[in-house]
Amino acid sequence: MVIKSKRGRRRYIAISFKENATRSELIVVLNETAKGYSIPSPRLIQYETSIGIVRCDLPHLKATVNMLNSVAGLRTLKTSGTLRKLRKKYAALLIESA
């Protein structure tokens, strides 16, 4: 197991999007937008038709949130240190969209 101090801490960001984009389209948009902000590309952890969860490194949290809010049709909902909290909070939305 890797120690968190060596790996780095992570944060999870719940996002909502208006358009019905496919997973691959959303990943391409995230990667290309991250290049403009000079940050590592955030990882799309979970994806449903209108909500998703993105993972980023703690030092890049503010820049990642700003990047996500700059993308047309995306909106950040909540940031958390654990994936479990976001899944619990948005469980109804994730189940409805499945």
PDB file of N, CA and C in Angstrom:
ATOM      1  N   MET A   1       0.840  -1.172   0.000  1.00  0.00           N
ATOM      2  CA  MET A   1       0.000   0.000   0.000  1.00  0.00           C
ATOM      3  C   MET A   1       0.887   1.238   0.000  1.00  0.00           C
ATOM      4  N   VAL A   2       0.478   2.241  -0.747  1.00  0.00           N
ATOM      5  CA  VAL A   2       1.237   3.484  -0.843  1.00  0.00           C
ATOM      6  C   VAL A   2       0.763   4.444   0.240  1.00  0.00           C
ATOM      7  N   ILE A   3       1.721   5.087   0.884  1.00  0.00           N
ATOM      8  CA  ILE A   3       1.408   6.045   1.944  1.00  0.00           C
ATOM      9  C   ILE A   3       0.868   7.326   1.311  1.00  0.00           C
ATOM     10  N   LYS A   4      -0.176   7.907   1.911  1.00  0.00           N
ATOM     11  CA  LYS A   4      -0.821   9.098   1.341  1.00  0.00           C
ATOM     12  C   LYS A   4       0.145  10.259   1.172  1.00  0.00           C
ATOM     13  N   SER A   5       1.094  10.395   2.105  1.00  0.00           N
ATOM     14  CA  SER A   5       2.005  11.526   2.009  1.00  0.00           C
ATOM     15  C   SER A   5       2.895  11.422   0.773  1.00  0.00           C
ATOM     16  N   LYS A   6       3.181  10.224   0.314  1.00  0.00           N
ATOM     17  CA  LYS A   6       3.991  10.051  -0.890  1.00  0.00           C
ATOM     18  C   LYS A   6       3.132  10.132  -2.151  1.00  0.00           C
ATOM     19  N   ARG A   7       1.930   9.604  -2.094  1.00  0.00           N
ATOM     20  CA  ARG A   7       1.039   9.593  -3.247  1.00  0.00           C
ATOM     21  C   ARG A   7       0.387  10.954  -3.430  1.00  0.00           C
ATOM     22  N   GLY A   8       0.086  11.616  -2.347  1.00  0.00           N
ATOM     23  CA  GLY A   8      -0.615  12.889  -2.379  1.00  0.00           C
ATOM     24  C   GLY A   8      -2.089  12.694  -2.072  1.00  0.00           C
ATOM     25  N   ARG A   9      -2.670  13.687  -1.462  1.00  0.00           N
ATOM     26  CA  ARG A   9      -4.090  13.599  -1.128  1.00  0.00           C
ATOM     27  C   ARG A   9      -4.932  13.942  -2.338  1.00  0.00           C
ATOM     28  N   ARG A  10      -6.120  13.401  -2.363  1.00  0.00           N
ATOM     29  CA  ARG A  10      -7.020  13.609  -3.489  1.00  0.00           C
ATOM     30  C   ARG A  10      -8.316  14.242  -3.013  1.00  0.00           C
ATOM     31  N   ARG A  11      -8.984  14.929  -3.917  1.00  0.00           N
ATOM     32  CA  ARG A  11     -10.293  15.494  -3.650  1.00  0.00           C
ATOM     33  C   ARG A  11     -11.226  15.073  -4.768  1.00  0.00           C
ATOM     34  N   TYR A  12     -12.488  14.970  -4.426  1.00  0.00           N
ATOM     35  CA  TYR A  12     -13.512  14.543  -5.372  1.00  0.00           C
ATOM     36  C   TYR A  12     -14.504  15.679  -5.551  1.00  0.00           C
ATOM     37  N   ILE A  13     -14.871  15.930  -6.789  1.00  0.00           N
ATOM     38  CA  ILE A  13     -15.761  17.042  -7.118  1.00  0.00           C
ATOM     39  C   ILE A  13     -16.970  16.491  -7.852  1.00  0.00           C
ATOM     40  N   ALA A  14     -18.158  16.769  -7.315  1.00  0.00           N
ATOM     41  CA  ALA A  14     -19.401  16.383  -7.993  1.00  0.00           C
ATOM     42  C   ALA A  14     -19.727  17.461  -9.013  1.00  0.00           C
ATOM     43  N   ILE A  15     -20.026  17.036 -10.241  1.00  0.00           N
ATOM     44  CA  ILE A  15     -20.358  17.983 -11.304  1.00  0.00           C
ATOM     45  C   ILE A  15     -21.694  17.605 -11.926  1.00  0.00           C
ATOM     46  N   SER A  16     -22.377  18.598 -12.449  1.00  0.00           N
ATOM     47  CA  SER A  16     -23.585  18.325 -13.219  1.00  0.00           C
ATOM     48  C   SER A  16     -23.383  18.947 -14.592  1.00  0.00           C
ATOM     49  N   PHE A  17     -23.991  18.341 -15.585  1.00  0.00           N
ATOM     50  CA  PHE A  17     -23.876  18.859 -16.934  1.00  0.00           C
ATOM     51  C   PHE A  17     -25.228  18.798 -17.595  1.00  0.00           C
ATOM     52  N   LYS A  18     -25.502  19.800 -18.430  1.00  0.00           N
ATOM     53  CA  LYS A  18     -26.809  19.942 -19.048  1.00  0.00           C
ATOM     54  C   LYS A  18     -26.963  19.046 -20.263  1.00  0.00           C
ATOM     55  N   GLU A  19     -25.945  19.012 -21.087  1.00  0.00           N
ATOM     56  CA  GLU A  19     -26.035  18.238 -22.312  1.00  0.00           C
ATOM     57  C   GLU A  19     -25.820  16.758 -22.026  1.00  0.00           C
ATOM     58  N   ASN A  20     -26.447  15.913 -22.797  1.00  0.00           N
ATOM     59  CA  ASN A  20     -26.247  14.479 -22.652  1.00  0.00           C
ATOM     60  C   ASN A  20     -24.996  14.088 -23.431  1.00  0.00           C
ATOM     61  N   ALA A  21     -23.860  14.262 -22.804  1.00  0.00           N
ATOM     62  CA  ALA A  21     -22.586  13.937 -23.426  1.00  0.00           C
ATOM     63  C   ALA A  21     -22.203  12.510 -23.069  1.00  0.00           C
ATOM     64  N   THR A  22     -21.494  11.861 -23.969  1.00  0.00           N
ATOM     65  CA  THR A  22     -21.002  10.521 -23.672  1.00  0.00           C
ATOM     66  C   THR A  22     -19.788  10.637 -22.766  1.00  0.00           C
ATOM     67  N   ARG A  23     -19.432   9.525 -22.165  1.00  0.00           N
ATOM     68  CA  ARG A  23     -18.285   9.501 -21.262  1.00  0.00           C
ATOM     69  C   ARG A  23     -17.005   9.924 -21.993  1.00  0.00           C
ATOM     70  N   SER A  24     -16.806   9.414 -23.191  1.00  0.00           N
ATOM     71  CA  SER A  24     -15.578   9.731 -23.928  1.00  0.00           C
ATOM     72  C   SER A  24     -15.537  11.209 -24.332  1.00  0.00           C
ATOM     73  N   GLU A  25     -16.670  11.789 -24.697  1.00  0.00           N
ATOM     74  CA  GLU A  25     -16.712  13.208 -25.033  1.00  0.00           C
ATOM     75  C   GLU A  25     -16.365  14.072 -23.821  1.00  0.00           C
ATOM     76  N   LEU A  26     -16.873  13.685 -22.665  1.00  0.00           N
ATOM     77  CA  LEU A  26     -16.607  14.435 -21.444  1.00  0.00           C
ATOM     78  C   LEU A  26     -15.127  14.348 -21.065  1.00  0.00           C
ATOM     79  N   ILE A  27     -14.526  13.185 -21.237  1.00  0.00           N
ATOM     80  CA  ILE A  27     -13.110  13.014 -20.924  1.00  0.00           C
ATOM     81  C   ILE A  27     -12.253  13.877 -21.847  1.00  0.00           C
ATOM     82  N   VAL A  28     -12.592  13.920 -23.128  1.00  0.00           N
ATOM     83  CA  VAL A  28     -11.842  14.745 -24.084  1.00  0.00           C
ATOM     84  C   VAL A  28     -11.940  16.222 -23.701  1.00  0.00           C
ATOM     85  N   VAL A  29     -13.121  16.678 -23.349  1.00  0.00           N
ATOM     86  CA  VAL A  29     -13.308  18.084 -22.951  1.00  0.00           C
ATOM     87  C   VAL A  29     -12.499  18.395 -21.702  1.00  0.00           C
ATOM     88  N   LEU A  30     -12.504  17.507 -20.706  1.00  0.00           N
ATOM     89  CA  LEU A  30     -11.742  17.728 -19.477  1.00  0.00           C
ATOM     90  C   LEU A  30     -10.246  17.784 -19.765  1.00  0.00           C
ATOM     91  N   ASN A  31      -9.741  16.869 -20.582  1.00  0.00           N
ATOM     92  CA  ASN A  31      -8.307  16.834 -20.888  1.00  0.00           C
ATOM     93  C   ASN A  31      -7.856  18.076 -21.652  1.00  0.00           C
ATOM     94  N   GLU A  32      -8.629  18.489 -22.640  1.00  0.00           N
ATOM     95  CA  GLU A  32      -8.237  19.656 -23.439  1.00  0.00           C
ATOM     96  C   GLU A  32      -8.337  20.952 -22.639  1.00  0.00           C
ATOM     97  N   THR A  33      -9.333  21.057 -21.784  1.00  0.00           N
ATOM     98  CA  THR A  33      -9.476  22.261 -20.967  1.00  0.00           C
ATOM     99  C   THR A  33      -8.382  22.332 -19.915  1.00  0.00           C
ATOM    100  N   ALA A  34      -7.974  21.190 -19.366  1.00  0.00           N
ATOM    101  CA  ALA A  34      -6.916  21.159 -18.348  1.00  0.00           C
ATOM    102  C   ALA A  34      -5.583  21.627 -18.920  1.00  0.00           C
ATOM    103  N   LYS A  35      -5.343  21.366 -20.196  1.00  0.00           N
ATOM    104  CA  LYS A  35      -4.091  21.828 -20.824  1.00  0.00           C
ATOM    105  C   LYS A  35      -4.008  23.349 -20.805  1.00  0.00           C
ATOM    106  N   GLY A  36      -5.116  24.016 -21.008  1.00  0.00           N
ATOM    107  CA  GLY A  36      -5.141  25.474 -20.990  1.00  0.00           C
ATOM    108  C   GLY A  36      -4.883  26.055 -19.607  1.00  0.00           C
ATOM    109  N   TYR A  37      -5.177  25.289 -18.570  1.00  0.00           N
ATOM    110  CA  TYR A  37      -4.977  25.740 -17.193  1.00  0.00           C
ATOM    111  C   TYR A  37      -3.655  25.246 -16.614  1.00  0.00           C
ATOM    112  N   SER A  38      -2.883  24.496 -17.382  1.00  0.00           N
ATOM    113  CA  SER A  38      -1.584  23.956 -16.954  1.00  0.00           C
ATOM    114  C   SER A  38      -1.689  23.138 -15.671  1.00  0.00           C
ATOM    115  N   ILE A  39      -2.713  22.303 -15.594  1.00  0.00           N
ATOM    116  CA  ILE A  39      -2.874  21.399 -14.457  1.00  0.00           C
ATOM    117  C   ILE A  39      -3.000  19.981 -14.988  1.00  0.00           C
ATOM    118  N   PRO A  40      -2.713  18.976 -14.148  1.00  0.00           N
ATOM    119  CA  PRO A  40      -2.916  17.596 -14.593  1.00  0.00           C
ATOM    120  C   PRO A  40      -4.394  17.353 -14.874  1.00  0.00           C
ATOM    121  N   SER A  41      -4.669  16.525 -15.844  1.00  0.00           N
ATOM    122  CA  SER A  41      -6.056  16.244 -16.213  1.00  0.00           C
ATOM    123  C   SER A  41      -6.780  15.549 -15.065  1.00  0.00           C
ATOM    124  N   PRO A  42      -7.955  16.060 -14.688  1.00  0.00           N
ATOM    125  CA  PRO A  42      -8.729  15.387 -13.651  1.00  0.00           C
ATOM    126  C   PRO A  42      -9.299  14.080 -14.191  1.00  0.00           C
ATOM    127  N   ARG A  43      -9.500  13.112 -13.309  1.00  0.00           N
ATOM    128  CA  ARG A  43     -10.022  11.811 -13.712  1.00  0.00           C
ATOM    129  C   ARG A  43     -11.523  11.760 -13.487  1.00  0.00           C
ATOM    130  N   LEU A  44     -12.240  11.262 -14.461  1.00  0.00           N
ATOM    131  CA  LEU A  44     -13.684  11.071 -14.338  1.00  0.00           C
ATOM    132  C   LEU A  44     -13.898   9.726 -13.657  1.00  0.00           C
ATOM    133  N   ILE A  45     -14.358   9.751 -12.412  1.00  0.00           N
ATOM    134  CA  ILE A  45     -14.512   8.538 -11.611  1.00  0.00           C
ATOM    135  C   ILE A  45     -15.843   7.875 -11.883  1.00  0.00           C
ATOM    136  N   GLN A  46     -16.910   8.645 -11.862  1.00  0.00           N
ATOM    137  CA  GLN A  46     -18.248   8.102 -12.074  1.00  0.00           C
ATOM    138  C   GLN A  46     -18.991   9.001 -13.036  1.00  0.00           C
ATOM    139  N   TYR A  47     -19.799   8.402 -13.893  1.00  0.00           N
ATOM    140  CA  TYR A  47     -20.506   9.150 -14.919  1.00  0.00           C
ATOM    141  C   TYR A  47     -21.916   8.595 -15.055  1.00  0.00           C
ATOM    142  N   GLU A  48     -22.883   9.482 -15.032  1.00  0.00           N
ATOM    143  CA  GLU A  48     -24.266   9.142 -15.335  1.00  0.00           C
ATOM    144  C   GLU A  48     -24.739  10.151 -16.376  1.00  0.00           C
ATOM    145  N   THR A  49     -26.003  10.147 -16.714  1.00  0.00           N
ATOM    146  CA  THR A  49     -26.465  11.010 -17.803  1.00  0.00           C
ATOM    147  C   THR A  49     -26.403  12.503 -17.472  1.00  0.00           C
ATOM    148  N   SER A  50     -26.537  12.899 -16.214  1.00  0.00           N
ATOM    149  CA  SER A  50     -26.517  14.328 -15.902  1.00  0.00           C
ATOM    150  C   SER A  50     -25.605  14.692 -14.737  1.00  0.00           C
ATOM    151  N   ILE A  51     -24.920  13.722 -14.156  1.00  0.00           N
ATOM    152  CA  ILE A  51     -24.066  13.989 -12.996  1.00  0.00           C
ATOM    153  C   ILE A  51     -22.826  13.112 -13.084  1.00  0.00           C
ATOM    154  N   GLY A  52     -21.740  13.624 -12.541  1.00  0.00           N
ATOM    155  CA  GLY A  52     -20.503  12.865 -12.550  1.00  0.00           C
ATOM    156  C   GLY A  52     -19.641  13.237 -11.363  1.00  0.00           C
ATOM    157  N   ILE A  53     -18.597  12.452 -11.134  1.00  0.00           N
ATOM    158  CA  ILE A  53     -17.648  12.710 -10.059  1.00  0.00           C
ATOM    159  C   ILE A  53     -16.254  12.714 -10.670  1.00  0.00           C
ATOM    160  N   VAL A  54     -15.511  13.771 -10.368  1.00  0.00           N
ATOM    161  CA  VAL A  54     -14.174  13.974 -10.900  1.00  0.00           C
ATOM    162  C   VAL A  54     -13.185  13.951  -9.742  1.00  0.00           C
ATOM    163  N   ARG A  55     -12.009  13.317  -9.965  1.00  0.00           N
ATOM    164  CA  ARG A  55     -10.972  13.270  -8.935  1.00  0.00           C
ATOM    165  C   ARG A  55      -9.805  14.143  -9.362  1.00  0.00           C
ATOM    166  N   CYS A  56      -9.239  14.890  -8.407  1.00  0.00           N
ATOM    167  CA  CYS A  56      -8.061  15.704  -8.687  1.00  0.00           C
ATOM    168  C   CYS A  56      -7.130  15.664  -7.482  1.00  0.00           C
ATOM    169  N   ASP A  57      -5.919  16.156  -7.658  1.00  0.00           N
ATOM    170  CA  ASP A  57      -4.964  16.243  -6.562  1.00  0.00           C
ATOM    171  C   ASP A  57      -5.266  17.479  -5.724  1.00  0.00           C
ATOM    172  N   LEU A  58      -4.985  17.396  -4.436  1.00  0.00           N
ATOM    173  CA  LEU A  58      -5.286  18.492  -3.517  1.00  0.00           C
ATOM    174  C   LEU A  58      -4.618  19.813  -3.893  1.00  0.00           C
ATOM    175  N   PRO A  59      -3.342  19.837  -4.305  1.00  0.00           N
ATOM    176  CA  PRO A  59      -2.741  21.135  -4.647  1.00  0.00           C
ATOM    177  C   PRO A  59      -3.404  21.825  -5.845  1.00  0.00           C
ATOM    178  N   HIS A  60      -4.081  21.068  -6.681  1.00  0.00           N
ATOM    179  CA  HIS A  60      -4.700  21.628  -7.887  1.00  0.00           C
ATOM    180  C   HIS A  60      -6.214  21.781  -7.740  1.00  0.00           C
ATOM    181  N   LEU A  61      -6.738  21.721  -6.533  1.00  0.00           N
ATOM    182  CA  LEU A  61      -8.179  21.738  -6.322  1.00  0.00           C
ATOM    183  C   LEU A  61      -8.825  23.034  -6.827  1.00  0.00           C
ATOM    184  N   LYS A  62      -8.324  24.182  -6.411  1.00  0.00           N
ATOM    185  CA  LYS A  62      -8.941  25.454  -6.808  1.00  0.00           C
ATOM    186  C   LYS A  62      -8.873  25.657  -8.312  1.00  0.00           C
ATOM    187  N   ALA A  63      -7.730  25.331  -8.907  1.00  0.00           N
ATOM    188  CA  ALA A  63      -7.590  25.486 -10.356  1.00  0.00           C
ATOM    189  C   ALA A  63      -8.525  24.534 -11.092  1.00  0.00           C
ATOM    190  N   THR A  64      -8.712  23.323 -10.555  1.00  0.00           N
ATOM    191  CA  THR A  64      -9.602  22.357 -11.191  1.00  0.00           C
ATOM    192  C   THR A  64     -11.050  22.814 -11.105  1.00  0.00           C
ATOM    193  N   VAL A  65     -11.465  23.337  -9.965  1.00  0.00           N
ATOM    194  CA  VAL A  65     -12.836  23.843  -9.822  1.00  0.00           C
ATOM    195  C   VAL A  65     -13.067  25.014 -10.773  1.00  0.00           C
ATOM    196  N   ASN A  66     -12.087  25.917 -10.877  1.00  0.00           N
ATOM    197  CA  ASN A  66     -12.209  27.042 -11.816  1.00  0.00           C
ATOM    198  C   ASN A  66     -12.290  26.547 -13.249  1.00  0.00           C
ATOM    199  N   MET A  67     -11.493  25.527 -13.573  1.00  0.00           N
ATOM    200  CA  MET A  67     -11.511  24.966 -14.917  1.00  0.00           C
ATOM    201  C   MET A  67     -12.863  24.338 -15.221  1.00  0.00           C
ATOM    202  N   LEU A  68     -13.401  23.570 -14.282  1.00  0.00           N
ATOM    203  CA  LEU A  68     -14.689  22.921 -14.494  1.00  0.00           C
ATOM    204  C   LEU A  68     -15.808  23.937 -14.666  1.00  0.00           C
ATOM    205  N   ASN A  69     -15.764  25.011 -13.894  1.00  0.00           N
ATOM    206  CA  ASN A  69     -16.795  26.043 -14.001  1.00  0.00           C
ATOM    207  C   ASN A  69     -16.674  26.845 -15.291  1.00  0.00           C
ATOM    208  N   SER A  70     -15.498  26.837 -15.918  1.00  0.00           N
ATOM    209  CA  SER A  70     -15.312  27.582 -17.160  1.00  0.00           C
ATOM    210  C   SER A  70     -15.855  26.825 -18.375  1.00  0.00           C
ATOM    211  N   VAL A  71     -16.044  25.527 -18.241  1.00  0.00           N
ATOM    212  CA  VAL A  71     -16.545  24.723 -19.354  1.00  0.00           C
ATOM    213  C   VAL A  71     -18.048  24.978 -19.492  1.00  0.00           C
ATOM    214  N   ALA A  72     -18.472  25.280 -20.696  1.00  0.00           N
ATOM    215  CA  ALA A  72     -19.889  25.556 -20.940  1.00  0.00           C
ATOM    216  C   ALA A  72     -20.721  24.309 -20.674  1.00  0.00           C
ATOM    217  N   GLY A  73     -21.772  24.451 -19.904  1.00  0.00           N
ATOM    218  CA  GLY A  73     -22.671  23.337 -19.616  1.00  0.00           C
ATOM    219  C   GLY A  73     -22.287  22.531 -18.390  1.00  0.00           C
ATOM    220  N   LEU A  74     -21.127  22.812 -17.777  1.00  0.00           N
ATOM    221  CA  LEU A  74     -20.710  22.114 -16.554  1.00  0.00           C
ATOM    222  C   LEU A  74     -20.885  23.021 -15.356  1.00  0.00           C
ATOM    223  N   ARG A  75     -21.215  22.421 -14.225  1.00  0.00           N
ATOM    224  CA  ARG A  75     -21.353  23.170 -12.975  1.00  0.00           C
ATOM    225  C   ARG A  75     -20.869  22.288 -11.841  1.00  0.00           C
ATOM    226  N   THR A  76     -20.042  22.813 -10.962  1.00  0.00           N
ATOM    227  CA  THR A  76     -19.593  22.035  -9.814  1.00  0.00           C
ATOM    228  C   THR A  76     -20.644  22.115  -8.722  1.00  0.00           C
ATOM    229  N   LEU A  77     -20.887  20.995  -8.070  1.00  0.00           N
ATOM    230  CA  LEU A  77     -21.909  20.930  -7.026  1.00  0.00           C
ATOM    231  C   LEU A  77     -21.304  20.924  -5.635  1.00  0.00           C
ATOM    232  N   LYS A  78     -20.319  20.055  -5.406  1.00  0.00           N
ATOM    233  CA  LYS A  78     -19.746  19.917  -4.074  1.00  0.00           C
ATOM    234  C   LYS A  78     -18.369  19.286  -4.195  1.00  0.00           C
ATOM    235  N   THR A  79     -17.500  19.629  -3.257  1.00  0.00           N
ATOM    236  CA  THR A  79     -16.170  19.043  -3.176  1.00  0.00           C
ATOM    237  C   THR A  79     -16.070  18.261  -1.879  1.00  0.00           C
ATOM    238  N   SER A  80     -15.420  17.101  -1.936  1.00  0.00           N
ATOM    239  CA  SER A  80     -15.295  16.271  -0.753  1.00  0.00           C
ATOM    240  C   SER A  80     -13.942  15.570  -0.754  1.00  0.00           C
ATOM    241  N   GLY A  81     -13.525  15.163   0.427  1.00  0.00           N
ATOM    242  CA  GLY A  81     -12.290  14.400   0.563  1.00  0.00           C
ATOM    243  C   GLY A  81     -12.502  12.914   0.384  1.00  0.00           C
ATOM    244  N   THR A  82     -13.753  12.474   0.431  1.00  0.00           N
ATOM    245  CA  THR A  82     -14.034  11.047   0.263  1.00  0.00           C
ATOM    246  C   THR A  82     -15.086  10.836  -0.815  1.00  0.00           C
ATOM    247  N   LEU A  83     -14.897   9.800  -1.557  1.00  0.00           N
ATOM    248  CA  LEU A  83     -15.835   9.438  -2.612  1.00  0.00           C
ATOM    249  C   LEU A  83     -17.162   8.977  -2.027  1.00  0.00           C
ATOM    250  N   ARG A  84     -17.108   8.332  -0.878  1.00  0.00           N
ATOM    251  CA  ARG A  84     -18.304   7.810  -0.222  1.00  0.00           C
ATOM    252  C   ARG A  84     -19.299   8.917   0.108  1.00  0.00           C
ATOM    253  N   LYS A  85     -18.810  10.057   0.596  1.00  0.00           N
ATOM    254  CA  LYS A  85     -19.705  11.165   0.952  1.00  0.00           C
ATOM    255  C   LYS A  85     -20.459  11.693  -0.262  1.00  0.00           C
ATOM    256  N   LEU A  86     -19.748  11.847  -1.376  1.00  0.00           N
ATOM    257  CA  LEU A  86     -20.422  12.356  -2.578  1.00  0.00           C
ATOM    258  C   LEU A  86     -21.430  11.352  -3.109  1.00  0.00           C
ATOM    259  N   ARG A  87     -21.066  10.085  -3.101  1.00  0.00           N
ATOM    260  CA  ARG A  87     -22.008   9.074  -3.584  1.00  0.00           C
ATOM    261  C   ARG A  87     -23.242   9.016  -2.699  1.00  0.00           C
ATOM    262  N   LYS A  88     -23.064   9.191  -1.387  1.00  0.00           N
ATOM    263  CA  LYS A  88     -24.199   9.162  -0.469  1.00  0.00           C
ATOM    264  C   LYS A  88     -25.091  10.392  -0.672  1.00  0.00           C
ATOM    265  N   LYS A  89     -24.476  11.564  -0.842  1.00  0.00           N
ATOM    266  CA  LYS A  89     -25.243  12.796  -0.992  1.00  0.00           C
ATOM    267  C   LYS A  89     -26.028  12.819  -2.300  1.00  0.00           C
ATOM    268  N   TYR A  90     -25.447  12.333  -3.376  1.00  0.00           N
ATOM    269  CA  TYR A  90     -26.084  12.377  -4.688  1.00  0.00           C
ATOM    270  C   TYR A  90     -26.581  11.015  -5.141  1.00  0.00           C
ATOM    271  N   ALA A  91     -26.845  10.123  -4.205  1.00  0.00           N
ATOM    272  CA  ALA A  91     -27.306   8.774  -4.542  1.00  0.00           C
ATOM    273  C   ALA A  91     -28.619   8.811  -5.298  1.00  0.00           C
ATOM    274  N   ALA A  92     -29.542   9.672  -4.893  1.00  0.00           N
ATOM    275  CA  ALA A  92     -30.846   9.737  -5.570  1.00  0.00           C
ATOM    276  C   ALA A  92     -30.677  10.155  -7.026  1.00  0.00           C
ATOM    277  N   LEU A  93     -29.804  11.110  -7.293  1.00  0.00           N
ATOM    278  CA  LEU A  93     -29.575  11.553  -8.665  1.00  0.00           C
ATOM    279  C   LEU A  93     -28.874  10.473  -9.484  1.00  0.00           C
ATOM    280  N   LEU A  94     -27.954   9.764  -8.833  1.00  0.00           N
ATOM    281  CA  LEU A  94     -27.243   8.719  -9.555  1.00  0.00           C
ATOM    282  C   LEU A  94     -28.152   7.540  -9.862  1.00  0.00           C
ATOM    283  N   ILE A  95     -29.085   7.243  -8.974  1.00  0.00           N
ATOM    284  CA  ILE A  95     -30.016   6.131  -9.197  1.00  0.00           C
ATOM    285  C   ILE A  95     -31.061   6.517 -10.250  1.00  0.00           C
ATOM    286  N   GLU A  96     -31.558   7.776 -10.187  1.00  0.00           N
ATOM    287  CA  GLU A  96     -32.576   8.215 -11.152  1.00  0.00           C
ATOM    288  C   GLU A  96     -32.054   8.189 -12.576  1.00  0.00           C
ATOM    289  N   SER A  97     -30.786   8.565 -12.727  1.00  0.00           N
ATOM    290  CA  SER A  97     -30.235   8.654 -14.077  1.00  0.00           C
ATOM    291  C   SER A  97     -29.780   7.307 -14.616  1.00  0.00           C
ATOM    292  N   ALA A  98     -29.731   6.293 -13.787  1.00  0.00           N
ATOM    293  CA  ALA A  98     -29.264   4.975 -14.241  1.00  0.00           C
ATOM    294  C   ALA A  98     -30.349   4.247 -15.010  1.00  0.00           C
TER     295      ALA A  98
END
